[in-house]
Amino acid sequence: MPLISPDRCRTDPASRTWSRRAILRGLAARRSTVGGTWIHLARRAMACSFEVTLASEDTSYVPAVRAALENVDTLEDQLTIFRETSAIADINRRAATEPVAVDPALFDLLGECGEVYRATAGAFDITSTPLSRCWGFLQREGHLPSAEAVEAARANVGFGAVTLDRRSLTIRFARTGIELNLGAIGKGYALDQLAARMRRSGVKHALLAAGRSSIKALGGPDGAWPIDIISPVLAGPIARVHLCDAALGTSGAGEQFVQVQSVRYGHVIDPRSGWPATGTLSATVIAAQAASADALSTAFFIGGTSLARQYCGTHPDIVALITPEGQQRPIVIGHRPGVRVELV
């Protein structure tokens, strides 16, 4: 799937493009303007590295950034399905039999998941865990299930079976078998919370990343953070985006897949059919919030250009870069002020 370019750190003033090595591996990247270096902080959480890059003149903010990064552990404790004590695990255990009280911030996040589910006609669905388990991707042991097993799992999928009561801040499932999994939005949400804490501490310019596919830009050096987007299945960068106070999320045919008789089945499953999504190499979304960018990139990877055009036509300020299978360049859909996209 596309990610920040892994090439050497670039310092050419004409490009000022930030490489994955400089931003995501913690090397001090020299700024394109004379005399500046960058401070890099990282913390492991949510099965990836959360990373923050600051300008050297912002050294005074390092303690605040460290404190903000530590809060990601608290968010993981709340959002993960892999810890029995998490809020999501508690919901999955009890919500089919009784209303479960939810923290206001988590309630709002679940509400956003419901909005994206409805706006994408079910392409984004946080109840698709039974399908991920059926295909073995939840355990990272991918295999090809029978059609009967897929249909049985799909019977337990659908956010339409989830009821959120805003007056009581509770959640309830309509039937047993429903499970929530915030894996497609949780990292972006954590980046948004991290960025908000940093802003309250006075940080004006920083680049935040969670793993290879989620980015949040605060301000930007010289007006924006230039980021190269690449695809491992294509030669070289597919686009360069300039981010200022915006977020970027990418979904694609990543490392998890199962191959049977020369057919490759990727780990991103279409919850509407129960089968891995096809037809799209990658989907990158630029939005105000990282949670939205992550969720929509998953939906557009599944729904392709038609869904991206439909959604962006009714939701201004969203930009999508969709690379269909068989094409070398992404299709750019939508417009967001302050964001510039260059196809390369």
C-alpha atoms as a PDB file:
ATOM      1  CA  MET A   1       0.000   0.000   0.000  1.00  0.00           C
ATOM      2  CA  PRO A   2       1.241   3.558  -0.557  1.00  0.00           C
ATOM      3  CA  LEU A   3       3.372   5.047   2.162  1.00  0.00           C
ATOM      4  CA  ILE A   4       5.781   7.854   2.735  1.00  0.00           C
ATOM      5  CA  SER A   5       8.722   7.412   0.413  1.00  0.00           C
ATOM      6  CA  PRO A   6      11.467   5.185   1.867  1.00  0.00           C
ATOM      7  CA  ASP A   7      14.141   6.842  -0.226  1.00  0.00           C
ATOM      8  CA  ARG A   8      17.036   8.736   1.279  1.00  0.00           C
ATOM      9  CA  CYS A   9      16.275  11.939   3.145  1.00  0.00           C
ATOM     10  CA  ARG A  10      15.886  14.652   0.543  1.00  0.00           C
ATOM     11  CA  THR A  11      17.254  18.121   1.190  1.00  0.00           C
ATOM     12  CA  ASP A  12      16.940  19.642  -2.266  1.00  0.00           C
ATOM     13  CA  PRO A  13      15.381  23.107  -1.759  1.00  0.00           C
ATOM     14  CA  ALA A  14      13.476  22.625  -4.996  1.00  0.00           C
ATOM     15  CA  SER A  15      11.580  19.640  -3.621  1.00  0.00           C
ATOM     16  CA  ARG A  16      11.749  19.813   0.197  1.00  0.00           C
ATOM     17  CA  THR A  17      10.103  16.407   0.220  1.00  0.00           C
ATOM     18  CA  TRP A  18      10.218  14.397   3.432  1.00  0.00           C
ATOM     19  CA  SER A  19      11.243  10.782   3.193  1.00  0.00           C
ATOM     20  CA  ARG A  20       9.912   7.904   5.242  1.00  0.00           C
ATOM     21  CA  ARG A  21      13.419   7.272   6.576  1.00  0.00           C
ATOM     22  CA  ALA A  22      13.688  10.799   7.951  1.00  0.00           C
ATOM     23  CA  ILE A  23      10.202  11.002   9.381  1.00  0.00           C
ATOM     24  CA  LEU A  24       9.400   7.453  10.418  1.00  0.00           C
ATOM     25  CA  ARG A  25      12.757   5.986  11.397  1.00  0.00           C
ATOM     26  CA  GLY A  26      13.939   8.734  13.697  1.00  0.00           C
ATOM     27  CA  LEU A  27      16.934  10.016  11.764  1.00  0.00           C
ATOM     28  CA  ALA A  28      17.640  13.724  12.093  1.00  0.00           C
ATOM     29  CA  ALA A  29      16.612  15.122   8.715  1.00  0.00           C
ATOM     30  CA  ARG A  30      18.345  18.330   7.721  1.00  0.00           C
ATOM     31  CA  ARG A  31      15.933  21.018   6.714  1.00  0.00           C
ATOM     32  CA  SER A  32      16.087  22.495   3.230  1.00  0.00           C
ATOM     33  CA  THR A  33      16.629  25.944   4.644  1.00  0.00           C
ATOM     34  CA  VAL A  34      20.121  26.525   5.977  1.00  0.00           C
ATOM     35  CA  GLY A  35      21.012  25.633   9.547  1.00  0.00           C
ATOM     36  CA  GLY A  36      17.895  23.729  10.666  1.00  0.00           C
ATOM     37  CA  THR A  37      17.546  20.171  11.923  1.00  0.00           C
ATOM     38  CA  TRP A  38      14.544  18.166  13.021  1.00  0.00           C
ATOM     39  CA  ILE A  39      13.705  16.546  16.345  1.00  0.00           C
ATOM     40  CA  HIS A  40      12.085  13.148  16.203  1.00  0.00           C
ATOM     41  CA  LEU A  41      10.141  11.408  18.992  1.00  0.00           C
ATOM     42  CA  ALA A  42       8.518   7.980  18.791  1.00  0.00           C
ATOM     43  CA  ARG A  43       6.489   5.568  20.898  1.00  0.00           C
ATOM     44  CA  ARG A  44       5.294   2.053  20.132  1.00  0.00           C
ATOM     45  CA  ALA A  45       1.528   1.549  20.444  1.00  0.00           C
ATOM     46  CA  MET A  46      -1.374  -0.044  18.545  1.00  0.00           C
ATOM     47  CA  ALA A  47       1.047  -2.459  16.833  1.00  0.00           C
ATOM     48  CA  CYS A  48       2.870   0.399  15.105  1.00  0.00           C
ATOM     49  CA  SER A  49       5.157   3.331  15.809  1.00  0.00           C
ATOM     50  CA  PHE A  50       3.589   6.691  16.657  1.00  0.00           C
ATOM     51  CA  GLU A  51       6.041   9.378  15.613  1.00  0.00           C
ATOM     52  CA  VAL A  52       6.325  13.156  15.878  1.00  0.00           C
ATOM     53  CA  THR A  53       8.742  15.405  13.991  1.00  0.00           C
ATOM     54  CA  LEU A  54       9.411  18.933  15.277  1.00  0.00           C
ATOM     55  CA  ALA A  55      11.642  21.748  14.064  1.00  0.00           C
ATOM     56  CA  SER A  56      14.802  22.181  16.132  1.00  0.00           C
ATOM     57  CA  GLU A  57      13.645  25.630  17.275  1.00  0.00           C
ATOM     58  CA  ASP A  58      10.699  23.933  19.023  1.00  0.00           C
ATOM     59  CA  THR A  59      12.877  22.036  21.513  1.00  0.00           C
ATOM     60  CA  SER A  60      10.913  23.552  24.399  1.00  0.00           C
ATOM     61  CA  TYR A  61       7.860  21.528  23.325  1.00  0.00           C
ATOM     62  CA  VAL A  62       9.580  18.138  23.649  1.00  0.00           C
ATOM     63  CA  PRO A  63       8.234  17.427  27.189  1.00  0.00           C
ATOM     64  CA  ALA A  64       4.687  18.233  26.041  1.00  0.00           C
ATOM     65  CA  VAL A  65       5.047  15.966  23.009  1.00  0.00           C
ATOM     66  CA  ARG A  66       6.365  13.126  25.177  1.00  0.00           C
ATOM     67  CA  ALA A  67       3.385  13.479  27.502  1.00  0.00           C
ATOM     68  CA  ALA A  68       1.013  13.492  24.536  1.00  0.00           C
ATOM     69  CA  LEU A  69       2.632  10.343  23.117  1.00  0.00           C
ATOM     70  CA  GLU A  70       2.216   8.585  26.449  1.00  0.00           C
ATOM     71  CA  ASN A  71      -1.526   9.200  26.192  1.00  0.00           C
ATOM     72  CA  VAL A  72      -1.660   6.935  23.143  1.00  0.00           C
ATOM     73  CA  ASP A  73      -1.183   3.994  25.521  1.00  0.00           C
ATOM     74  CA  THR A  74      -4.356   5.033  27.344  1.00  0.00           C
ATOM     75  CA  LEU A  75      -6.245   5.204  24.052  1.00  0.00           C
ATOM     76  CA  GLU A  76      -5.022   1.749  23.078  1.00  0.00           C
ATOM     77  CA  ASP A  77      -6.230   0.388  26.419  1.00  0.00           C
ATOM     78  CA  GLN A  78      -9.669   1.724  25.539  1.00  0.00           C
ATOM     79  CA  LEU A  79      -9.916   0.874  21.823  1.00  0.00           C
ATOM     80  CA  THR A  80      -8.176  -2.466  21.259  1.00  0.00           C
ATOM     81  CA  ILE A  81     -10.046  -5.746  20.841  1.00  0.00           C
ATOM     82  CA  PHE A  82      -6.986  -7.683  21.973  1.00  0.00           C
ATOM     83  CA  ARG A  83      -7.237  -6.771  25.668  1.00  0.00           C
ATOM     84  CA  GLU A  84     -10.111  -8.147  27.708  1.00  0.00           C
ATOM     85  CA  THR A  85     -10.135  -5.017  29.884  1.00  0.00           C
ATOM     86  CA  SER A  86     -10.655  -2.547  27.015  1.00  0.00           C
ATOM     87  CA  ALA A  87     -13.872  -0.595  26.563  1.00  0.00           C
ATOM     88  CA  ILE A  88     -14.437  -2.155  23.138  1.00  0.00           C
ATOM     89  CA  ALA A  89     -13.965  -5.676  24.503  1.00  0.00           C
ATOM     90  CA  ASP A  90     -16.492  -4.892  27.238  1.00  0.00           C
ATOM     91  CA  ILE A  91     -18.987  -3.626  24.655  1.00  0.00           C
ATOM     92  CA  ASN A  92     -18.515  -6.749  22.537  1.00  0.00           C
ATOM     93  CA  ARG A  93     -19.174  -8.968  25.570  1.00  0.00           C
ATOM     94  CA  ARG A  94     -22.304  -7.266  26.887  1.00  0.00           C
ATOM     95  CA  ALA A  95     -24.031  -5.092  24.285  1.00  0.00           C
ATOM     96  CA  ALA A  96     -26.119  -7.941  22.828  1.00  0.00           C
ATOM     97  CA  THR A  97     -27.810  -8.489  26.194  1.00  0.00           C
ATOM     98  CA  GLU A  98     -27.916  -5.007  27.760  1.00  0.00           C
ATOM     99  CA  PRO A  99     -27.193  -1.326  27.036  1.00  0.00           C
ATOM    100  CA  VAL A 100     -23.548  -0.550  27.788  1.00  0.00           C
ATOM    101  CA  ALA A 101     -22.512   2.902  29.020  1.00  0.00           C
ATOM    102  CA  VAL A 102     -19.813   4.508  26.876  1.00  0.00           C
ATOM    103  CA  ASP A 103     -17.345   7.333  27.546  1.00  0.00           C
ATOM    104  CA  PRO A 104     -18.493  10.525  25.710  1.00  0.00           C
ATOM    105  CA  ALA A 105     -15.394  10.706  23.480  1.00  0.00           C
ATOM    106  CA  LEU A 106     -15.696   7.050  22.500  1.00  0.00           C
ATOM    107  CA  PHE A 107     -19.429   7.503  21.943  1.00  0.00           C
ATOM    108  CA  ASP A 108     -18.693  10.326  19.476  1.00  0.00           C
ATOM    109  CA  LEU A 109     -16.140   8.148  17.671  1.00  0.00           C
ATOM    110  CA  LEU A 110     -18.672   5.311  17.358  1.00  0.00           C
ATOM    111  CA  GLY A 111     -21.188   7.845  16.103  1.00  0.00           C
ATOM    112  CA  GLU A 112     -18.742   8.949  13.421  1.00  0.00           C
ATOM    113  CA  CYS A 113     -18.269   5.297  12.429  1.00  0.00           C
ATOM    114  CA  GLY A 114     -22.025   5.042  11.981  1.00  0.00           C
ATOM    115  CA  GLU A 115     -22.135   8.184   9.848  1.00  0.00           C
ATOM    116  CA  VAL A 116     -19.379   6.921   7.529  1.00  0.00           C
ATOM    117  CA  TYR A 117     -21.091   3.511   7.350  1.00  0.00           C
ATOM    118  CA  ARG A 118     -24.303   5.108   6.137  1.00  0.00           C
ATOM    119  CA  ALA A 119     -22.612   7.624   3.814  1.00  0.00           C
ATOM    120  CA  THR A 120     -20.584   4.866   2.107  1.00  0.00           C
ATOM    121  CA  ALA A 121     -23.484   2.399   1.836  1.00  0.00           C
ATOM    122  CA  GLY A 122     -21.764  -0.021   4.204  1.00  0.00           C
ATOM    123  CA  ALA A 123     -18.327  -0.053   2.567  1.00  0.00           C
ATOM    124  CA  PHE A 124     -16.882   1.098   5.905  1.00  0.00           C
ATOM    125  CA  ASP A 125     -18.171  -1.120   8.685  1.00  0.00           C
ATOM    126  CA  ILE A 126     -16.531  -1.600  12.083  1.00  0.00           C
ATOM    127  CA  THR A 127     -18.599  -4.767  12.678  1.00  0.00           C
ATOM    128  CA  SER A 128     -16.656  -6.770  10.059  1.00  0.00           C
ATOM    129  CA  THR A 129     -14.556  -8.667  12.647  1.00  0.00           C
ATOM    130  CA  PRO A 130     -16.341 -12.011  12.005  1.00  0.00           C
ATOM    131  CA  LEU A 131     -15.214 -11.814   8.380  1.00  0.00           C
ATOM    132  CA  SER A 132     -11.605 -11.009   9.305  1.00  0.00           C
ATOM    133  CA  ARG A 133     -11.653 -13.988  11.662  1.00  0.00           C
ATOM    134  CA  CYS A 134     -13.218 -16.218   9.004  1.00  0.00           C
ATOM    135  CA  TRP A 135     -10.418 -15.387   6.554  1.00  0.00           C
ATOM    136  CA  GLY A 136      -7.760 -15.789   9.262  1.00  0.00           C
ATOM    137  CA  PHE A 137      -6.519 -12.217   8.934  1.00  0.00           C
ATOM    138  CA  LEU A 138      -7.437 -11.351  12.519  1.00  0.00           C
ATOM    139  CA  GLN A 139      -4.883 -13.937  13.687  1.00  0.00           C
ATOM    140  CA  ARG A 140      -2.468 -13.146  10.801  1.00  0.00           C
ATOM    141  CA  GLU A 141      -2.998 -16.677   9.521  1.00  0.00           C
ATOM    142  CA  GLY A 142      -4.770 -15.994   6.243  1.00  0.00           C
ATOM    143  CA  HIS A 143      -6.523 -18.823   4.433  1.00  0.00           C
ATOM    144  CA  LEU A 144      -9.287 -19.281   1.870  1.00  0.00           C
ATOM    145  CA  PRO A 145     -12.548 -20.156   3.657  1.00  0.00           C
ATOM    146  CA  SER A 146     -15.490 -21.926   2.119  1.00  0.00           C
ATOM    147  CA  ALA A 147     -18.318 -19.898   0.622  1.00  0.00           C
ATOM    148  CA  GLU A 148     -20.590 -21.288   3.344  1.00  0.00           C
ATOM    149  CA  ALA A 149     -18.227 -20.064   6.082  1.00  0.00           C
ATOM    150  CA  VAL A 150     -18.106 -16.589   4.495  1.00  0.00           C
ATOM    151  CA  GLU A 151     -21.907 -16.385   4.392  1.00  0.00           C
ATOM    152  CA  ALA A 152     -22.179 -17.533   8.003  1.00  0.00           C
ATOM    153  CA  ALA A 153     -19.734 -14.820   9.087  1.00  0.00           C
ATOM    154  CA  ARG A 154     -21.443 -12.175   6.975  1.00  0.00           C
ATOM    155  CA  ALA A 155     -24.702 -12.875   8.800  1.00  0.00           C
ATOM    156  CA  ASN A 156     -23.071 -11.336  11.881  1.00  0.00           C
ATOM    157  CA  VAL A 157     -21.898  -8.174  10.104  1.00  0.00           C
ATOM    158  CA  GLY A 158     -23.711  -4.868   9.749  1.00  0.00           C
ATOM    159  CA  PHE A 159     -23.578  -1.617  11.716  1.00  0.00           C
ATOM    160  CA  GLY A 160     -27.305  -1.398  11.202  1.00  0.00           C
ATOM    161  CA  ALA A 161     -27.579  -3.805  14.147  1.00  0.00           C
ATOM    162  CA  VAL A 162     -25.908  -1.234  16.432  1.00  0.00           C
ATOM    163  CA  THR A 163     -27.984   1.310  18.346  1.00  0.00           C
ATOM    164  CA  LEU A 164     -26.376   4.376  19.928  1.00  0.00           C
ATOM    165  CA  ASP A 165     -28.517   6.245  22.464  1.00  0.00           C
ATOM    166  CA  ARG A 166     -27.155   9.776  22.838  1.00  0.00           C
ATOM    167  CA  ARG A 167     -29.377  10.640  25.781  1.00  0.00           C
ATOM    168  CA  SER A 168     -28.003   7.846  27.920  1.00  0.00           C
ATOM    169  CA  LEU A 169     -24.625   7.519  26.147  1.00  0.00           C
ATOM    170  CA  THR A 170     -25.165   3.787  25.733  1.00  0.00           C
ATOM    171  CA  ILE A 171     -24.691   1.262  22.950  1.00  0.00           C
ATOM    172  CA  ARG A 172     -26.763  -1.845  22.259  1.00  0.00           C
ATOM    173  CA  PHE A 173     -26.534  -4.657  19.686  1.00  0.00           C
ATOM    174  CA  ALA A 174     -29.702  -6.010  18.087  1.00  0.00           C
ATOM    175  CA  ARG A 175     -28.429  -9.597  18.156  1.00  0.00           C
ATOM    176  CA  THR A 176     -25.603 -11.791  19.337  1.00  0.00           C
ATOM    177  CA  GLY A 177     -22.544 -12.245  17.116  1.00  0.00           C
ATOM    178  CA  ILE A 178     -21.976  -8.528  16.474  1.00  0.00           C
ATOM    179  CA  GLU A 179     -18.437  -7.345  17.281  1.00  0.00           C
ATOM    180  CA  LEU A 180     -16.824  -3.919  16.978  1.00  0.00           C
ATOM    181  CA  ASN A 181     -13.272  -3.438  15.753  1.00  0.00           C
ATOM    182  CA  LEU A 182     -11.790   0.067  15.390  1.00  0.00           C
ATOM    183  CA  GLY A 183      -8.681  -1.094  13.545  1.00  0.00           C
ATOM    184  CA  ALA A 184      -9.571   0.906  10.418  1.00  0.00           C
ATOM    185  CA  ILE A 185     -10.030   4.183  12.297  1.00  0.00           C
ATOM    186  CA  GLY A 186      -8.322   3.859  15.679  1.00  0.00           C
ATOM    187  CA  LYS A 187      -4.831   4.987  14.661  1.00  0.00           C
ATOM    188  CA  GLY A 188      -6.199   8.081  12.938  1.00  0.00           C
ATOM    189  CA  TYR A 189      -8.336   8.872  15.965  1.00  0.00           C
ATOM    190  CA  ALA A 190      -5.276   8.560  18.210  1.00  0.00           C
ATOM    191  CA  LEU A 191      -3.356  10.946  15.926  1.00  0.00           C
ATOM    192  CA  ASP A 192      -6.191  13.474  16.194  1.00  0.00           C
ATOM    193  CA  GLN A 193      -6.104  13.258  19.996  1.00  0.00           C
ATOM    194  CA  LEU A 194      -2.304  13.528  19.993  1.00  0.00           C
ATOM    195  CA  ALA A 195      -2.426  16.591  17.733  1.00  0.00           C
ATOM    196  CA  ALA A 196      -5.092  18.262  19.873  1.00  0.00           C
ATOM    197  CA  ARG A 197      -2.974  17.862  23.006  1.00  0.00           C
ATOM    198  CA  MET A 198       0.054  19.258  21.207  1.00  0.00           C
ATOM    199  CA  ARG A 199      -1.899  22.270  19.957  1.00  0.00           C
ATOM    200  CA  ARG A 200      -3.081  23.015  23.483  1.00  0.00           C
ATOM    201  CA  SER A 201       0.576  22.996  24.526  1.00  0.00           C
ATOM    202  CA  GLY A 202       1.384  25.601  21.886  1.00  0.00           C
ATOM    203  CA  VAL A 203       2.900  23.458  19.110  1.00  0.00           C
ATOM    204  CA  LYS A 204       2.270  25.116  15.747  1.00  0.00           C
ATOM    205  CA  HIS A 205       4.314  22.974  13.339  1.00  0.00           C
ATOM    206  CA  ALA A 206       4.708  19.202  13.567  1.00  0.00           C
ATOM    207  CA  LEU A 207       4.275  16.100  11.472  1.00  0.00           C
ATOM    208  CA  LEU A 208       2.623  13.129  13.187  1.00  0.00           C
ATOM    209  CA  ALA A 209       2.484   9.582  11.840  1.00  0.00           C
ATOM    210  CA  ALA A 210       1.039   6.257  12.953  1.00  0.00           C
ATOM    211  CA  GLY A 211       2.595   3.365  11.106  1.00  0.00           C
ATOM    212  CA  ARG A 212       2.883   3.558   7.345  1.00  0.00           C
ATOM    213  CA  SER A 213      -0.529   4.833   6.394  1.00  0.00           C
ATOM    214  CA  SER A 214      -1.774   7.563   8.765  1.00  0.00           C
ATOM    215  CA  ILE A 215      -0.393  11.117   8.871  1.00  0.00           C
ATOM    216  CA  LYS A 216      -1.470  14.323  10.587  1.00  0.00           C
ATOM    217  CA  ALA A 217       0.138  17.673   9.738  1.00  0.00           C
ATOM    218  CA  LEU A 218       0.126  20.643  12.081  1.00  0.00           C
ATOM    219  CA  GLY A 219       1.015  23.774  10.166  1.00  0.00           C
ATOM    220  CA  GLY A 220       3.939  23.163   7.876  1.00  0.00           C
ATOM    221  CA  PRO A 221       7.481  24.371   7.197  1.00  0.00           C
ATOM    222  CA  ASP A 222       7.414  27.031   4.485  1.00  0.00           C
ATOM    223  CA  GLY A 223       3.632  26.693   4.424  1.00  0.00           C
ATOM    224  CA  ALA A 224       3.161  22.927   4.029  1.00  0.00           C
ATOM    225  CA  TRP A 225       4.636  19.470   4.606  1.00  0.00           C
ATOM    226  CA  PRO A 226       5.455  17.884   1.212  1.00  0.00           C
ATOM    227  CA  ILE A 227       4.950  14.109   1.312  1.00  0.00           C
ATOM    228  CA  ASP A 228       5.707  11.574  -1.425  1.00  0.00           C
ATOM    229  CA  ILE A 229       3.122   8.814  -1.786  1.00  0.00           C
ATOM    230  CA  ILE A 230       4.441   5.566  -3.256  1.00  0.00           C
ATOM    231  CA  SER A 231       3.080   2.131  -4.040  1.00  0.00           C
ATOM    232  CA  PRO A 232       5.237  -0.989  -3.696  1.00  0.00           C
ATOM    233  CA  VAL A 233       3.586  -2.479  -6.771  1.00  0.00           C
ATOM    234  CA  LEU A 234       4.425   0.526  -8.952  1.00  0.00           C
ATOM    235  CA  ALA A 235       7.791   2.050  -9.794  1.00  0.00           C
ATOM    236  CA  GLY A 236       8.528   5.294  -7.955  1.00  0.00           C
ATOM    237  CA  PRO A 237       6.207   7.813  -6.297  1.00  0.00           C
ATOM    238  CA  ILE A 238       2.674   8.068  -7.626  1.00  0.00           C
ATOM    239  CA  ALA A 239       1.992  11.539  -6.200  1.00  0.00           C
ATOM    240  CA  ARG A 240       3.302  14.312  -4.007  1.00  0.00           C
ATOM    241  CA  VAL A 241       0.918  16.015  -1.604  1.00  0.00           C
ATOM    242  CA  HIS A 242       1.461  19.231   0.314  1.00  0.00           C
ATOM    243  CA  LEU A 243      -0.275  19.162   3.696  1.00  0.00           C
ATOM    244  CA  CYS A 244      -1.003  22.027   6.059  1.00  0.00           C
ATOM    245  CA  ASP A 245      -3.355  21.457   8.991  1.00  0.00           C
ATOM    246  CA  ALA A 246      -4.704  18.335   7.325  1.00  0.00           C
ATOM    247  CA  ALA A 247      -4.534  14.560   7.610  1.00  0.00           C
ATOM    248  CA  LEU A 248      -3.830  11.738   5.189  1.00  0.00           C
ATOM    249  CA  GLY A 249      -4.875   8.107   5.331  1.00  0.00           C
ATOM    250  CA  THR A 250      -4.102   5.276   2.918  1.00  0.00           C
ATOM    251  CA  SER A 251      -5.522   1.811   2.365  1.00  0.00           C
ATOM    252  CA  GLY A 252      -4.261  -0.739  -0.103  1.00  0.00           C
ATOM    253  CA  ALA A 253      -3.141  -4.231  -0.893  1.00  0.00           C
ATOM    254  CA  GLY A 254      -0.708  -4.498   1.981  1.00  0.00           C
ATOM    255  CA  GLU A 255       1.407  -7.183   3.548  1.00  0.00           C
ATOM    256  CA  GLN A 256      -1.452  -9.465   4.659  1.00  0.00           C
ATOM    257  CA  PHE A 257      -2.894 -11.689   1.955  1.00  0.00           C
ATOM    258  CA  VAL A 258      -3.480 -15.308   1.043  1.00  0.00           C
ATOM    259  CA  GLN A 259      -2.676 -16.727  -2.401  1.00  0.00           C
ATOM    260  CA  VAL A 260      -4.533 -19.758  -3.716  1.00  0.00           C
ATOM    261  CA  GLN A 261      -3.958 -21.115  -7.228  1.00  0.00           C
ATOM    262  CA  SER A 262      -2.326 -17.858  -8.345  1.00  0.00           C
ATOM    263  CA  VAL A 263      -5.211 -15.757  -6.991  1.00  0.00           C
ATOM    264  CA  ARG A 264      -4.196 -13.180  -4.379  1.00  0.00           C
ATOM    265  CA  TYR A 265      -6.784 -12.381  -1.691  1.00  0.00           C
ATOM    266  CA  GLY A 266      -5.942  -9.220   0.267  1.00  0.00           C
ATOM    267  CA  HIS A 267      -6.829  -8.542   3.898  1.00  0.00           C
ATOM    268  CA  VAL A 268      -9.202  -5.615   3.216  1.00  0.00           C
ATOM    269  CA  ILE A 269     -12.581  -7.335   3.071  1.00  0.00           C
ATOM    270  CA  ASP A 270     -15.706  -5.835   1.562  1.00  0.00           C
ATOM    271  CA  PRO A 271     -18.215  -6.221   4.435  1.00  0.00           C
ATOM    272  CA  ARG A 272     -21.081  -6.163   1.958  1.00  0.00           C
ATOM    273  CA  SER A 273     -19.969  -9.296   0.101  1.00  0.00           C
ATOM    274  CA  GLY A 274     -17.710 -10.973   2.650  1.00  0.00           C
ATOM    275  CA  TRP A 275     -14.882 -11.273   0.100  1.00  0.00           C
ATOM    276  CA  PRO A 276     -11.623  -9.280  -0.215  1.00  0.00           C
ATOM    277  CA  ALA A 277     -11.943  -6.031  -2.126  1.00  0.00           C
ATOM    278  CA  THR A 278     -10.761  -6.033  -5.746  1.00  0.00           C
ATOM    279  CA  GLY A 279     -10.286  -3.508  -8.518  1.00  0.00           C
ATOM    280  CA  THR A 280      -8.236  -0.914  -6.618  1.00  0.00           C
ATOM    281  CA  LEU A 281      -4.496  -0.856  -5.919  1.00  0.00           C
ATOM    282  CA  SER A 282      -4.678   1.913  -3.342  1.00  0.00           C
ATOM    283  CA  ALA A 283      -6.865   4.679  -1.947  1.00  0.00           C
ATOM    284  CA  THR A 284      -5.472   7.765  -0.227  1.00  0.00           C
ATOM    285  CA  VAL A 285      -7.754  10.337   1.408  1.00  0.00           C
ATOM    286  CA  ILE A 286      -6.923  13.832   2.656  1.00  0.00           C
ATOM    287  CA  ALA A 287      -9.288  15.324   5.230  1.00  0.00           C
ATOM    288  CA  ALA A 288      -9.302  17.623   8.227  1.00  0.00           C
ATOM    289  CA  GLN A 289      -9.161  14.757  10.716  1.00  0.00           C
ATOM    290  CA  ALA A 290      -6.992  11.636  10.583  1.00  0.00           C
ATOM    291  CA  ALA A 291      -9.867   9.437  11.784  1.00  0.00           C
ATOM    292  CA  SER A 292     -11.978  10.505   8.806  1.00  0.00           C
ATOM    293  CA  ALA A 293      -9.072  10.062   6.385  1.00  0.00           C
ATOM    294  CA  ASP A 294      -8.417   6.529   7.639  1.00  0.00           C
ATOM    295  CA  ALA A 295     -12.064   5.448   7.555  1.00  0.00           C
ATOM    296  CA  LEU A 296     -12.699   6.893   4.108  1.00  0.00           C
ATOM    297  CA  SER A 297      -9.524   5.434   2.627  1.00  0.00           C
ATOM    298  CA  THR A 298     -10.793   1.986   3.641  1.00  0.00           C
ATOM    299  CA  ALA A 299     -14.240   2.692   2.190  1.00  0.00           C
ATOM    300  CA  PHE A 300     -12.824   4.041  -1.090  1.00  0.00           C
ATOM    301  CA  PHE A 301     -10.407   1.126  -1.444  1.00  0.00           C
ATOM    302  CA  ILE A 302     -13.441  -1.135  -1.269  1.00  0.00           C
ATOM    303  CA  GLY A 303     -15.827   1.028  -3.307  1.00  0.00           C
ATOM    304  CA  GLY A 304     -13.333   2.414  -5.825  1.00  0.00           C
ATOM    305  CA  THR A 305     -13.630   5.582  -7.874  1.00  0.00           C
ATOM    306  CA  SER A 306     -17.428   5.468  -8.145  1.00  0.00           C
ATOM    307  CA  LEU A 307     -17.884   5.601  -4.379  1.00  0.00           C
ATOM    308  CA  ALA A 308     -15.152   8.241  -4.022  1.00  0.00           C
ATOM    309  CA  ARG A 309     -16.819  10.473  -6.623  1.00  0.00           C
ATOM    310  CA  GLN A 310     -20.232  10.042  -5.040  1.00  0.00           C
ATOM    311  CA  TYR A 311     -18.946  10.815  -1.537  1.00  0.00           C
ATOM    312  CA  CYS A 312     -16.733  13.761  -2.505  1.00  0.00           C
ATOM    313  CA  GLY A 313     -19.587  15.218  -4.537  1.00  0.00           C
ATOM    314  CA  THR A 314     -21.635  15.671  -1.359  1.00  0.00           C
ATOM    315  CA  HIS A 315     -18.794  16.196   1.129  1.00  0.00           C
ATOM    316  CA  PRO A 316     -16.595  19.190   0.237  1.00  0.00           C
ATOM    317  CA  ASP A 317     -13.026  19.510   1.546  1.00  0.00           C
ATOM    318  CA  ILE A 318     -12.263  15.808   0.959  1.00  0.00           C
ATOM    319  CA  VAL A 319      -9.569  14.785  -1.542  1.00  0.00           C
ATOM    320  CA  ALA A 320      -9.193  11.198  -2.753  1.00  0.00           C
ATOM    321  CA  LEU A 321      -6.394   9.650  -4.805  1.00  0.00           C
ATOM    322  CA  ILE A 322      -7.626   6.333  -6.208  1.00  0.00           C
ATOM    323  CA  THR A 323      -5.320   4.053  -8.193  1.00  0.00           C
ATOM    324  CA  PRO A 324      -7.370   1.420 -10.040  1.00  0.00           C
ATOM    325  CA  GLU A 325      -5.794  -1.926 -10.865  1.00  0.00           C
ATOM    326  CA  GLY A 326      -3.931  -1.784 -14.145  1.00  0.00           C
ATOM    327  CA  GLN A 327      -3.179   1.937 -13.928  1.00  0.00           C
ATOM    328  CA  GLN A 328       0.102   3.679 -13.130  1.00  0.00           C
ATOM    329  CA  ARG A 329      -1.282   7.007 -11.901  1.00  0.00           C
ATOM    330  CA  PRO A 330      -3.983   7.777  -9.346  1.00  0.00           C
ATOM    331  CA  ILE A 331      -7.238   9.511 -10.169  1.00  0.00           C
ATOM    332  CA  VAL A 332      -7.591  12.687  -8.099  1.00  0.00           C
ATOM    333  CA  ILE A 333     -11.115  13.409  -6.870  1.00  0.00           C
ATOM    334  CA  GLY A 334     -12.306  16.384  -4.828  1.00  0.00           C
ATOM    335  CA  HIS A 335     -10.661  19.558  -3.574  1.00  0.00           C
ATOM    336  CA  ARG A 336      -9.529  20.890  -0.225  1.00  0.00           C
ATOM    337  CA  PRO A 337      -8.258  24.462   0.348  1.00  0.00           C
ATOM    338  CA  GLY A 338      -4.607  24.533   1.344  1.00  0.00           C
ATOM    339  CA  VAL A 339      -3.894  21.058  -0.081  1.00  0.00           C
ATOM    340  CA  ARG A 340      -1.927  20.662  -3.289  1.00  0.00           C
ATOM    341  CA  VAL A 341      -1.536  17.378  -5.159  1.00  0.00           C
ATOM    342  CA  GLU A 342       1.106  16.781  -7.798  1.00  0.00           C
ATOM    343  CA  LEU A 343       1.032  13.612  -9.897  1.00  0.00           C
ATOM    344  CA  VAL A 344       4.559  12.413 -10.614  1.00  0.00           C
END
